[in-house]
Protein backbone atom coordinates (compact mmCIF):
# COMPACT_ATOMS: atom_id res chain seq x y z
CA UNK A 1 -29.93 19.36 11.81
CA UNK A 2 -31.37 17.61 8.79
CA UNK A 3 -28.92 16.84 6.04
CA UNK A 4 -29.63 18.89 2.91
CA UNK A 5 -29.00 15.86 0.71
CA UNK A 6 -32.02 14.14 2.19
CA UNK A 7 -34.15 17.24 1.48
CA UNK A 8 -33.01 17.33 -2.13
CA UNK A 9 -33.66 13.61 -2.50
CA UNK A 10 -37.19 14.03 -1.07
CA UNK A 11 -37.99 16.89 -3.47
CA UNK A 12 -36.75 14.89 -6.46
CA UNK A 13 -38.99 11.94 -5.58
CA UNK A 14 -42.19 14.04 -5.57
CA UNK A 15 -44.47 13.20 -8.50
CA UNK A 16 -46.83 15.53 -10.38
CA UNK A 17 -49.79 13.83 -8.65
CA UNK A 18 -48.51 15.17 -5.34
CA UNK A 19 -48.51 18.72 -6.69
CA UNK A 20 -52.04 18.27 -8.09
CA UNK A 21 -53.27 17.03 -4.72
CA UNK A 22 -51.44 19.83 -2.88
CA UNK A 23 -52.76 22.67 -5.03
CA UNK A 24 -56.24 21.17 -5.25
CA UNK A 25 -56.52 20.80 -1.48
CA UNK A 26 -55.21 24.34 -0.97
CA UNK A 27 -57.76 25.66 -3.45
CA UNK A 28 -60.60 23.80 -1.72
CA UNK A 29 -59.66 25.00 1.76
CA UNK A 30 -59.17 28.63 0.69
CA UNK A 31 -62.47 28.49 -1.23
CA UNK A 32 -64.33 27.33 1.88
CA UNK A 33 -62.69 30.10 3.90
CA UNK A 34 -63.67 32.62 1.21
CA UNK A 35 -67.32 31.48 1.26
CA UNK A 36 -67.49 31.70 5.04
CA UNK A 37 -65.78 35.10 5.13
CA UNK A 38 -68.18 36.48 2.49
CA UNK A 39 -71.23 35.14 4.33
CA UNK A 40 -69.99 36.58 7.63
CA UNK A 41 -69.27 39.97 6.04
CA UNK A 42 -72.74 40.11 4.43
CA UNK A 43 -74.44 39.20 7.70
CA UNK A 44 -72.41 41.17 10.24
CA UNK A 45 -70.55 43.75 8.15
CA UNK A 46 -67.05 42.73 9.24
CA UNK A 47 -64.39 40.08 8.59
CA UNK A 48 -64.41 37.07 10.90
CA UNK A 49 -60.63 36.57 10.69
CA UNK A 50 -60.02 40.27 11.32
CA UNK A 51 -62.41 40.29 14.27
CA UNK A 52 -60.80 37.22 15.84
CA UNK A 53 -57.35 38.71 15.30
CA UNK A 54 -58.27 42.00 16.97
CA UNK A 55 -60.21 40.48 19.86
CA UNK A 56 -58.00 37.50 20.72
CA UNK A 57 -54.57 37.93 19.16
CA UNK A 58 -54.39 41.72 19.60
CA UNK A 59 -54.12 41.67 23.42
CA UNK A 60 -51.34 39.05 23.24
CA UNK A 61 -49.33 40.96 20.67
CA UNK A 62 -50.00 44.39 22.16
CA UNK A 63 -49.37 43.42 25.76
CA UNK A 64 -51.20 44.67 28.84
CA UNK A 65 -51.05 48.29 29.89
CA UNK A 66 -50.72 49.39 33.46
CA UNK A 67 -53.70 49.55 35.76
CA UNK A 68 -54.06 53.31 35.65
CA UNK A 69 -54.25 53.39 31.89
CA UNK A 70 -56.64 50.44 32.00
CA UNK A 71 -58.92 52.30 34.39
CA UNK A 72 -58.79 55.42 32.26
CA UNK A 73 -59.58 53.43 29.14
CA UNK A 74 -62.48 51.77 30.93
CA UNK A 75 -63.88 55.12 32.00
CA UNK A 76 -63.43 56.54 28.52
CA UNK A 77 -65.13 53.55 26.93
CA UNK A 78 -68.03 53.88 29.37
CA UNK A 79 -68.37 57.56 28.51
CA UNK A 80 -68.26 56.78 24.81
CA UNK A 81 -70.91 54.11 25.26
CA UNK A 82 -73.11 56.54 27.16
CA UNK A 83 -72.72 59.09 24.38
CA UNK A 84 -73.46 56.55 21.66
CA UNK A 85 -76.71 55.29 23.20
CA UNK A 86 -78.85 58.28 22.10
CA UNK A 87 -77.43 58.03 18.57
CA UNK A 88 -78.72 54.48 18.16
CA UNK A 89 -81.97 54.87 20.06
CA UNK A 90 -84.90 53.21 18.31
CA UNK A 91 -88.01 55.39 17.95
CA UNK A 92 -91.60 54.42 17.26
CA UNK A 93 -92.56 55.22 13.68
CA UNK A 94 -95.08 58.11 13.84
CA UNK A 95 -96.74 56.87 10.63
CA UNK A 96 -96.67 53.13 11.34
CA UNK A 97 -99.22 51.09 9.44
CA UNK A 98 -102.03 48.92 10.79
CA UNK A 99 -101.14 45.26 11.26
CA UNK A 100 -104.50 43.79 10.33
CA UNK A 101 -105.55 46.10 7.52
CA UNK A 102 -102.14 46.76 5.95
CA UNK A 103 -99.22 44.61 7.12
CA UNK A 104 -101.25 41.36 7.09
CA UNK A 105 -102.69 42.19 3.68
CA UNK A 106 -99.15 42.42 2.33
CA UNK A 107 -98.36 39.01 3.85
CA UNK A 108 -101.47 37.46 2.27
CA UNK A 109 -100.49 38.75 -1.18
CA UNK A 110 -96.71 38.16 -1.15
CA UNK A 111 -96.23 35.47 1.47
CA UNK A 112 -93.50 37.60 3.07
CA UNK A 113 -93.44 38.91 6.63
CA UNK A 114 -92.86 42.69 6.55
CA UNK A 115 -92.14 42.94 10.29
CA UNK A 116 -89.28 41.36 12.22
CA UNK A 117 -89.68 39.74 15.61
CA UNK A 118 -87.43 42.42 17.12
CA UNK A 119 -89.70 45.17 15.76
CA UNK A 120 -92.88 43.49 17.01
CA UNK A 121 -91.29 42.87 20.40
CA UNK A 122 -90.55 46.59 20.71
CA UNK A 123 -94.20 47.32 19.88
CA UNK A 124 -95.32 44.89 22.59
CA UNK A 125 -93.15 46.74 25.09
CA UNK A 126 -94.61 50.08 23.95
CA UNK A 127 -98.16 48.81 24.38
CA UNK A 128 -97.42 47.54 27.87
CA UNK A 129 -95.96 50.94 28.75
CA UNK A 130 -98.84 52.95 27.23
CA UNK A 131 -101.82 50.84 28.19
CA UNK A 132 -100.96 49.30 31.57
CA UNK A 133 -100.13 50.77 34.95
CA UNK A 134 -98.67 49.63 38.26
CA UNK A 135 -102.09 48.98 39.77
CA UNK A 136 -102.55 46.06 37.37
CA UNK A 137 -99.64 44.26 39.06
CA UNK A 138 -100.67 44.93 42.67
CA UNK A 139 -103.87 42.85 42.75
CA UNK A 140 -104.14 39.30 44.14
CA UNK A 141 -103.55 36.51 41.64
CA UNK A 142 -107.11 35.13 41.91
CA UNK A 143 -108.52 38.58 41.21
CA UNK A 144 -106.16 39.19 38.28
CA UNK A 145 -107.67 36.31 36.32
CA UNK A 146 -111.03 38.07 36.14
CA UNK A 147 -109.84 41.67 35.62
CA UNK A 148 -109.93 42.86 31.95
CA UNK A 149 -106.84 45.05 32.40
CA UNK A 150 -104.87 42.03 33.61
CA UNK A 151 -106.15 39.96 30.68
CA UNK A 152 -105.01 42.70 28.30
CA UNK A 153 -101.67 42.89 30.03
CA UNK A 154 -101.22 39.21 29.22
CA UNK A 155 -102.46 39.85 25.67
CA UNK A 156 -99.79 42.47 24.95
CA UNK A 157 -97.10 39.96 25.94
CA UNK A 158 -98.39 37.20 23.68
CA UNK A 159 -96.26 36.41 20.63
CA UNK A 160 -99.00 34.65 18.67
CA UNK A 161 -101.40 37.15 16.98
CA UNK A 162 -104.35 34.78 17.33
CA UNK A 163 -103.67 34.44 21.06
CA UNK A 164 -103.65 38.22 21.41
CA UNK A 165 -106.94 38.57 19.56
CA UNK A 166 -108.50 35.78 21.62
CA UNK A 167 -107.40 37.50 24.84
CA UNK A 168 -108.91 40.80 23.66
CA UNK A 169 -112.27 39.12 23.04
CA UNK A 170 -112.00 37.49 26.46
CA UNK A 171 -111.42 40.91 28.04
CA UNK A 172 -114.51 42.31 26.27
CA UNK A 173 -116.59 39.40 27.55
CA UNK A 174 -115.58 40.31 31.10
CA UNK A 175 -116.06 44.05 30.52
CA UNK A 176 -117.61 45.49 27.36
CA UNK A 177 -116.00 48.85 28.18
CA UNK A 178 -112.37 47.75 27.95
CA UNK A 179 -110.81 50.40 25.69
CA UNK A 180 -107.47 48.64 25.23
CA UNK A 181 -109.24 45.50 23.96
CA UNK A 182 -110.87 47.57 21.21
CA UNK A 183 -107.45 49.03 20.38
CA UNK A 184 -105.89 45.60 19.94
CA UNK A 185 -108.77 44.38 17.75
CA UNK A 186 -108.59 47.55 15.65
CA UNK A 187 -104.86 47.15 15.16
CA UNK A 188 -104.69 43.42 14.47
CA UNK A 189 -108.08 41.83 13.71
CA UNK A 190 -109.74 44.44 11.49
CA UNK A 191 -108.96 43.82 7.82
CA UNK A 192 -110.17 47.16 6.39
CA UNK A 193 -109.58 50.79 7.34
CA UNK A 194 -113.34 51.33 7.81
CA UNK A 195 -113.58 48.46 10.26
CA UNK A 196 -110.49 49.72 12.04
CA UNK A 197 -112.01 53.20 12.34
CA UNK A 198 -115.25 51.76 13.79
CA UNK A 199 -113.34 49.87 16.50
CA UNK A 200 -111.21 52.89 17.33
CA UNK A 201 -114.36 55.01 17.72
CA UNK A 202 -115.68 52.46 20.21
CA UNK A 203 -112.34 52.60 22.03
CA UNK A 204 -112.48 56.41 22.06
CA UNK A 205 -115.99 56.46 23.52
CA UNK A 206 -114.94 54.22 26.39
CA UNK A 207 -111.52 55.83 26.76
CA UNK A 208 -112.86 59.39 27.07
CA UNK A 209 -115.34 58.29 29.75
CA UNK A 210 -112.50 56.64 31.70
CA UNK A 211 -110.30 59.71 31.18
CA UNK A 212 -112.90 62.11 32.61
CA UNK A 213 -113.52 59.78 35.53
CA UNK A 214 -109.84 59.41 36.42
CA UNK A 215 -109.17 63.12 35.86
CA UNK A 216 -111.37 63.99 38.81
CA UNK A 217 -109.61 61.53 41.13
CA UNK A 218 -105.95 61.83 40.05
CA UNK A 219 -105.12 64.11 43.02
CA UNK A 220 -106.06 61.41 45.56
CA UNK A 221 -102.73 59.64 45.35
CA UNK A 222 -100.10 57.89 43.22
CA UNK A 223 -102.46 54.97 42.58
CA UNK A 224 -105.07 57.23 40.95
CA UNK A 225 -102.42 59.29 39.18
CA UNK A 226 -101.08 56.15 37.47
CA UNK A 227 -104.59 55.23 36.31
CA UNK A 228 -105.12 58.74 34.92
CA UNK A 229 -101.79 58.61 33.08
CA UNK A 230 -102.81 55.29 31.52
CA UNK A 231 -106.21 56.71 30.48
CA UNK A 232 -104.49 59.76 28.98
CA UNK A 233 -102.22 57.54 26.88
CA UNK A 234 -105.24 55.57 25.66
CA UNK A 235 -107.12 58.72 24.60
CA UNK A 236 -104.13 60.27 22.82
CA UNK A 237 -103.26 57.04 21.03
CA UNK A 238 -106.83 56.40 19.85
CA UNK A 239 -107.42 59.97 18.67
CA UNK A 240 -104.16 59.93 16.76
CA UNK A 241 -105.05 56.61 15.12
CA UNK A 242 -108.49 57.94 14.19
CA UNK A 243 -106.82 60.95 12.54
CA UNK A 244 -104.58 58.58 10.60
CA UNK A 245 -107.62 56.53 9.52
CA UNK A 246 -109.29 59.71 8.27
CA UNK A 247 -106.11 60.54 6.32
CA UNK A 248 -106.05 57.07 4.77
CA UNK A 249 -109.73 57.32 3.81
CA UNK A 250 -109.20 60.65 2.02
CA UNK A 251 -110.70 62.94 4.67
CA UNK A 252 -107.49 64.91 4.92
CA UNK A 253 -108.92 68.20 6.24
CA UNK A 254 -110.70 66.32 9.00
CA UNK A 255 -107.46 64.54 9.82
CA UNK A 256 -105.56 67.85 10.01
CA UNK A 257 -108.14 69.31 12.39
CA UNK A 258 -107.99 66.23 14.63
CA UNK A 259 -104.19 66.39 14.76
CA UNK A 260 -104.16 70.12 15.55
CA UNK A 261 -106.71 69.65 18.33
CA UNK A 262 -104.71 66.77 19.76
CA UNK A 263 -101.46 68.76 19.77
CA UNK A 264 -103.24 71.72 21.39
CA UNK A 265 -104.90 69.67 24.15
CA UNK A 266 -101.85 67.53 24.95
CA UNK A 267 -98.72 69.62 24.26
CA UNK A 268 -96.67 67.44 26.61
CA UNK A 269 -97.13 64.43 24.32
CA UNK A 270 -94.70 65.83 21.73
CA UNK A 271 -92.55 62.74 22.28
CA UNK A 272 -95.04 60.89 20.04
CA UNK A 273 -94.04 63.20 17.14
CA UNK A 274 -97.64 63.93 16.14
CA UNK A 275 -96.32 66.95 14.22
CA UNK A 276 -94.84 64.55 11.64
CA UNK A 277 -98.33 63.18 10.96
CA UNK A 278 -99.53 66.77 10.61
CA UNK A 279 -96.75 67.70 8.18
CA UNK A 280 -97.56 64.76 5.92
CA UNK A 281 -101.30 65.59 5.89
CA UNK A 282 -100.63 69.28 5.16
CA UNK A 283 -98.35 68.33 2.27
CA UNK A 284 -101.17 66.22 0.88
CA UNK A 285 -103.38 69.35 0.97
CA UNK A 286 -100.49 71.32 -0.60
CA UNK A 287 -100.81 73.78 2.28
CA UNK A 288 -97.15 74.74 2.07
CA UNK A 289 -97.50 77.88 4.19
CA UNK A 290 -98.95 75.81 7.04
CA UNK A 291 -96.13 73.28 6.63
CA UNK A 292 -93.60 76.10 6.91
CA UNK A 293 -95.29 77.28 10.11
CA UNK A 294 -95.01 73.80 11.64
CA UNK A 295 -91.35 73.58 10.60
CA UNK A 296 -90.64 76.96 12.17
CA UNK A 297 -91.80 75.53 15.50
CA UNK A 298 -90.14 72.12 15.37
CA UNK A 299 -87.02 72.66 13.22
CA UNK A 300 -85.23 74.13 16.21
CA UNK A 301 -81.64 73.55 17.27
CA UNK A 302 -82.73 72.38 20.71
CA UNK A 303 -85.11 69.73 19.37
CA UNK A 304 -84.14 66.35 17.90
CA UNK A 305 -84.16 66.28 14.12
CA UNK A 306 -85.71 63.72 11.82
CA UNK A 307 -85.75 62.94 8.11
CA UNK A 308 -89.26 64.41 7.91
CA UNK A 309 -88.10 67.74 9.32
CA UNK A 310 -84.91 68.02 7.25
CA UNK A 311 -86.26 66.77 3.92
CA UNK A 312 -89.52 68.72 4.17
CA UNK A 313 -87.50 71.90 4.73
CA UNK A 314 -85.44 71.01 1.64
CA UNK A 315 -88.62 70.33 -0.37
CA UNK A 316 -90.11 73.74 0.48
CA UNK A 317 -86.92 75.55 -0.57
CA UNK A 318 -86.58 73.42 -3.69
CA UNK A 319 -90.20 74.22 -4.62
CA UNK A 320 -89.27 77.89 -5.12
CA UNK A 321 -86.63 77.19 -7.80
CA UNK A 322 -86.99 73.58 -8.97
CA UNK A 323 -89.35 74.21 -11.91
CA UNK A 324 -86.81 76.51 -13.62
CA UNK A 325 -83.61 74.82 -12.50
CA UNK A 326 -81.22 73.59 -15.19
CA UNK A 327 -77.79 72.15 -14.34
CA UNK A 328 -76.34 73.36 -17.66
CA UNK A 329 -77.46 76.96 -17.10
CA UNK A 330 -76.44 76.89 -13.45
CA UNK A 331 -72.93 75.70 -14.38
CA UNK A 332 -72.51 78.69 -16.71
CA UNK A 333 -73.98 81.55 -14.67
CA UNK A 334 -73.65 80.09 -11.18
CA UNK A 335 -76.37 79.51 -8.60
CA UNK A 336 -78.74 82.26 -7.56
CA UNK A 337 -79.34 82.98 -3.88
CA UNK A 338 -82.60 80.99 -3.86
CA UNK A 339 -80.97 78.07 -5.67
CA UNK A 340 -78.04 78.13 -3.25
CA UNK A 341 -80.44 78.03 -0.31
CA UNK A 342 -82.26 75.06 -1.85
CA UNK A 343 -79.00 73.19 -2.50
CA UNK A 344 -77.77 73.87 1.03
CA UNK A 345 -81.06 72.57 2.42
CA UNK A 346 -80.69 69.40 0.35
CA UNK A 347 -77.10 68.95 1.55
CA UNK A 348 -78.28 69.41 5.14
CA UNK A 349 -80.99 66.78 4.70
CA UNK A 350 -78.64 64.32 2.99
CA UNK A 351 -76.05 64.74 5.73
CA UNK A 352 -78.70 63.90 8.33
CA UNK A 353 -79.91 60.81 6.48
CA UNK A 354 -77.94 59.83 3.34
CA UNK A 355 -80.16 56.82 2.59
CA UNK A 356 -83.28 58.80 1.59
CA UNK A 357 -82.31 60.04 -1.93
CA UNK A 358 -82.02 56.54 -3.38
CA UNK A 359 -85.62 55.83 -2.41
CA UNK A 360 -86.92 59.22 -3.57
CA UNK A 361 -85.10 58.85 -6.90
CA UNK A 362 -86.39 55.25 -7.11
CA UNK A 363 -82.95 53.74 -7.66
CA UNK A 364 -83.64 51.44 -4.69
CA UNK A 365 -86.92 49.59 -4.21
CA UNK A 366 -89.19 50.50 -1.31
CA UNK A 367 -90.72 48.10 1.19
CA UNK A 368 -93.37 48.60 3.86
CA UNK A 369 -91.97 50.76 6.67
CA UNK A 370 -91.28 49.10 10.04
CA UNK A 371 -93.14 49.96 13.24
CA UNK A 372 -89.93 51.37 14.70
CA UNK A 373 -87.10 53.27 13.09
CA UNK A 374 -83.57 54.40 13.73
CA UNK A 375 -82.95 58.07 13.09
CA UNK A 376 -80.37 58.62 10.34
CA UNK A 377 -80.70 54.95 9.40
CA UNK A 378 -82.13 52.99 6.48
CA UNK A 379 -85.32 52.25 8.44
CA UNK A 380 -86.07 55.97 8.81
CA UNK A 381 -85.32 56.52 5.11
CA UNK A 382 -87.84 53.84 4.13
CA UNK A 383 -90.48 55.26 6.48
CA UNK A 384 -90.00 58.78 5.11
CA UNK A 385 -89.90 57.90 1.41
CA UNK A 386 -92.88 55.54 1.70
CA UNK A 387 -95.18 58.41 2.67
CA UNK A 388 -93.45 61.47 1.18
CA UNK A 389 -92.40 60.30 -2.30
CA UNK A 390 -95.76 61.48 -3.80
CA UNK A 391 -95.20 64.95 -2.32
CA UNK A 392 -91.79 65.23 -4.01
CA UNK A 393 -93.26 64.07 -7.31
CA UNK A 394 -96.00 66.67 -7.04
CA UNK A 395 -93.45 69.54 -7.02
CA UNK A 396 -92.19 70.03 -10.58
CA UNK A 397 -88.42 69.65 -10.84
CA UNK A 398 -87.85 68.83 -7.15
CA UNK A 399 -86.55 65.33 -7.84
CA UNK A 400 -84.40 66.64 -10.71
CA UNK A 401 -82.80 69.17 -8.36
CA UNK A 402 -82.26 66.44 -5.77
CA UNK A 403 -80.71 64.18 -8.42
CA UNK A 404 -78.26 66.87 -9.54
CA UNK A 405 -77.12 68.02 -6.11
CA UNK A 406 -77.44 65.36 -3.40
CA UNK A 407 -74.10 63.62 -4.00
CA UNK A 408 -72.25 66.91 -3.48
CA UNK A 409 -72.91 66.47 0.24
CA UNK A 410 -70.23 63.81 0.53
CA UNK A 411 -67.50 66.18 -0.62
CA UNK A 412 -68.10 68.26 2.50
CA UNK A 413 -67.88 65.27 4.86
CA UNK A 414 -65.17 62.95 3.49
CA UNK A 415 -64.89 61.17 6.86
CA UNK A 416 -68.48 61.04 8.13
CA UNK A 417 -67.77 58.63 11.00
CA UNK A 418 -65.13 60.96 12.44
CA UNK A 419 -66.47 64.45 11.84
CA UNK A 420 -69.78 65.92 10.72
CA UNK A 421 -70.54 69.22 9.02
CA UNK A 422 -73.93 70.43 10.25
CA UNK A 423 -74.68 67.46 12.52
CA UNK A 424 -72.68 65.25 14.83
CA UNK A 425 -70.65 62.48 13.12
CA UNK A 426 -72.69 59.75 11.50
CA UNK A 427 -73.22 56.91 14.02
CA UNK A 428 -71.50 53.65 13.19
CA UNK A 429 -74.21 51.49 14.79
CA UNK A 430 -77.01 52.12 12.27
CA UNK A 431 -76.29 49.10 10.09
CA UNK A 432 -76.60 46.51 12.86
CA UNK A 433 -79.74 48.15 14.28
CA UNK A 434 -81.38 48.41 10.85
CA UNK A 435 -80.69 44.73 10.18
CA UNK A 436 -82.72 43.95 13.31
CA UNK A 437 -85.58 46.26 12.31
CA UNK A 438 -85.88 45.44 8.61
CA UNK A 439 -86.93 42.10 7.07
CA UNK A 440 -84.32 39.69 5.74
CA UNK A 441 -85.47 40.02 2.10
CA UNK A 442 -84.53 43.73 2.11
CA UNK A 443 -80.96 44.71 1.27
CA UNK A 444 -80.02 47.18 3.98
CA UNK A 445 -78.49 50.44 2.75
CA UNK A 446 -75.07 51.01 4.34
CA UNK A 447 -73.34 54.36 4.75
CA UNK A 448 -70.51 54.96 4.35
CA UNK A 449 -69.93 52.11 1.94
CA UNK A 450 -67.61 49.53 3.43
CA UNK A 451 -64.72 48.24 1.39
CA UNK A 452 -64.19 44.51 1.23
CA UNK A 453 -61.95 43.36 4.10
CA UNK A 454 -58.35 42.41 3.28
CA UNK A 455 -58.86 38.77 4.22
CA UNK A 456 -61.71 38.33 1.72
CA UNK A 457 -59.51 39.68 -1.06
CA UNK A 458 -56.58 37.59 0.16
CA UNK A 459 -58.53 34.32 0.30
CA UNK A 460 -60.11 35.07 -3.08
CA UNK A 461 -56.67 35.53 -4.62
CA UNK A 462 -55.28 32.46 -2.88
CA UNK A 463 -58.23 30.33 -4.01
CA UNK A 464 -57.89 31.53 -7.61
CA UNK A 465 -54.12 31.03 -7.79
CA UNK A 466 -54.17 27.56 -6.24
CA UNK A 467 -57.08 26.47 -8.43
CA UNK A 468 -55.17 27.65 -11.51
CA UNK A 469 -52.04 25.80 -10.40
CA UNK A 470 -54.04 22.62 -9.79
CA UNK A 471 -55.55 22.84 -13.28
CA UNK A 472 -52.18 23.48 -14.97
CA UNK A 473 -50.49 20.69 -13.01
CA UNK A 474 -53.24 18.26 -14.02
CA UNK A 475 -53.04 19.23 -17.69
CA UNK A 476 -49.23 19.57 -17.94
CA UNK A 477 -47.76 17.37 -15.20
CA UNK A 478 -44.14 17.18 -16.40
CA UNK A 479 -43.52 20.89 -17.10
CA UNK A 480 -45.37 21.93 -13.92
CA UNK A 481 -43.41 19.38 -11.88
CA UNK A 482 -40.19 20.86 -13.26
CA UNK A 483 -41.43 24.39 -12.44
CA UNK A 484 -42.30 23.32 -8.88
CA UNK A 485 -38.88 21.76 -8.31
CA UNK A 486 -37.16 24.84 -9.74
CA UNK A 487 -39.26 27.05 -7.46
CA UNK A 488 -38.46 25.01 -4.37
CA UNK A 489 -34.74 24.93 -5.28
CA UNK A 490 -34.78 28.70 -5.69
CA UNK A 491 -36.38 29.13 -2.26
CA UNK A 492 -33.86 26.81 -0.57
CA UNK A 493 -30.79 28.19 -2.34
CA UNK A 494 -30.18 31.04 0.18
CA UNK A 495 -30.39 28.49 3.00
CA UNK A 496 -27.93 26.21 1.20
CA UNK A 497 -25.54 29.13 0.70
CA UNK A 498 -25.72 29.99 4.40
CA UNK A 499 -25.01 26.38 5.38
CA UNK A 500 -21.96 26.23 3.09
CA UNK A 501 -20.55 29.44 4.62
CA UNK A 502 -21.09 28.12 8.13
CA UNK A 503 -19.39 24.86 7.20
CA UNK A 504 -16.36 26.77 5.96
CA UNK A 505 -16.14 29.05 9.02
CA UNK A 506 -16.85 26.64 11.88
CA UNK A 507 -14.33 23.94 12.94
CA UNK A 508 -15.00 20.53 11.45
CA UNK A 509 -15.56 18.77 14.80
CA UNK A 510 -18.07 21.42 15.90
CA UNK A 511 -19.83 21.25 12.58
CA UNK A 512 -20.22 17.46 12.80
CA UNK A 513 -21.68 17.80 16.29
CA UNK A 514 -24.24 20.31 15.01
CA UNK A 515 -25.27 18.13 12.07
CA UNK A 516 -25.87 15.17 14.40
CA UNK A 517 -28.46 17.15 16.40
């Protein structure tokens, strides 16, 4: 045991410079920890120290459960993971823009990339699924080099846009009737909507001829059936894109007719969500009765919801009362039945996707929508508001009603990650998925708002206190040195008292043996 006299002597010999160095070093170290913790929280949404503690120290402190419980926990975690996959599934944006004519134009003007690599990689996988088939893989390698479909298969996998465009031109040189090559050039090389439409029309001409040819031979075997499925995807994709071009060029009625015909001819392609394109075009025509008819078909409990479905239903109900709605009058007389229905529809929409109102009310800036979106996430909110904000503005009082009522949703679901009201609980994975889909210059909307982790607050307080002590010790060395010694003496006084009691209780020879240790 160390003699207490030596401890007291050591404390008395400490100079104010030592305390300045001690507090300054502590302030520097805690400041560096604070900066790292803040950066990690902004990037990943969690505390690094907390994560390390839970993942590495938690098992040591908590111990290991028996094997049966471990197996049960493993099975439960697997079931939970299986249930959480659909919640965080990434969907193709039904209204995604054109890379050459729209996304690239934004890059030329701002110098910013609106699409992330993750988003573009998902699109490349989609194109390979839509526009290639198994027969493209089954040919000999020397034959593949000269087959346009194989060239296009390589083009869809290329990361460099110029390499993709070059491969598409190469495919057209080998076969001037390669529909997928026209699709790639329309999507990425064309710089205007008119040029894009011209290329898509060429693709449609070739694609329809291939579709009719493969339709007559699809019954001959799996090989021909795969080719027909590929040709069907090409035709549906091109006709949908042509309808979107017509919508962008102001030929809205023509676009509506093309979309209706497409949905009628290919009802099994509902997975592409063509009805969302139709809803947006009908809203542009202010054909609200037709919009209601589409909602009646697709706003069904058995079908997956979307922000377009929920917020369009809210807009139609708000349209009936919004022009005469006044929060002051409503607070005095109460809400009428129509107003209550509109408010409930808004609450339903906000519960499904709580990020949308900030974009509709223009309290958060919009960016170009990504090519893929996460339902109930910030990416879906951006995609919806980008195209539907003008429709809300066109209805008098709709945004005012939304402004007055949307925050009331959160009173009904105080714990959205644990229990929902009209929908299943809000998925906790949306933030990480949206960060992958949205560009780095966009501040991702997070729901529910996360409080700052304890360790960030702790390190911030520690950094501030030690920095203040270092400053005071530097400015007033003698008084602060006296305060430090008094503080240390106060801390050691209980220990000194305990030692004195032990010295009085234990025999002297035993006590001397202990002090020599």
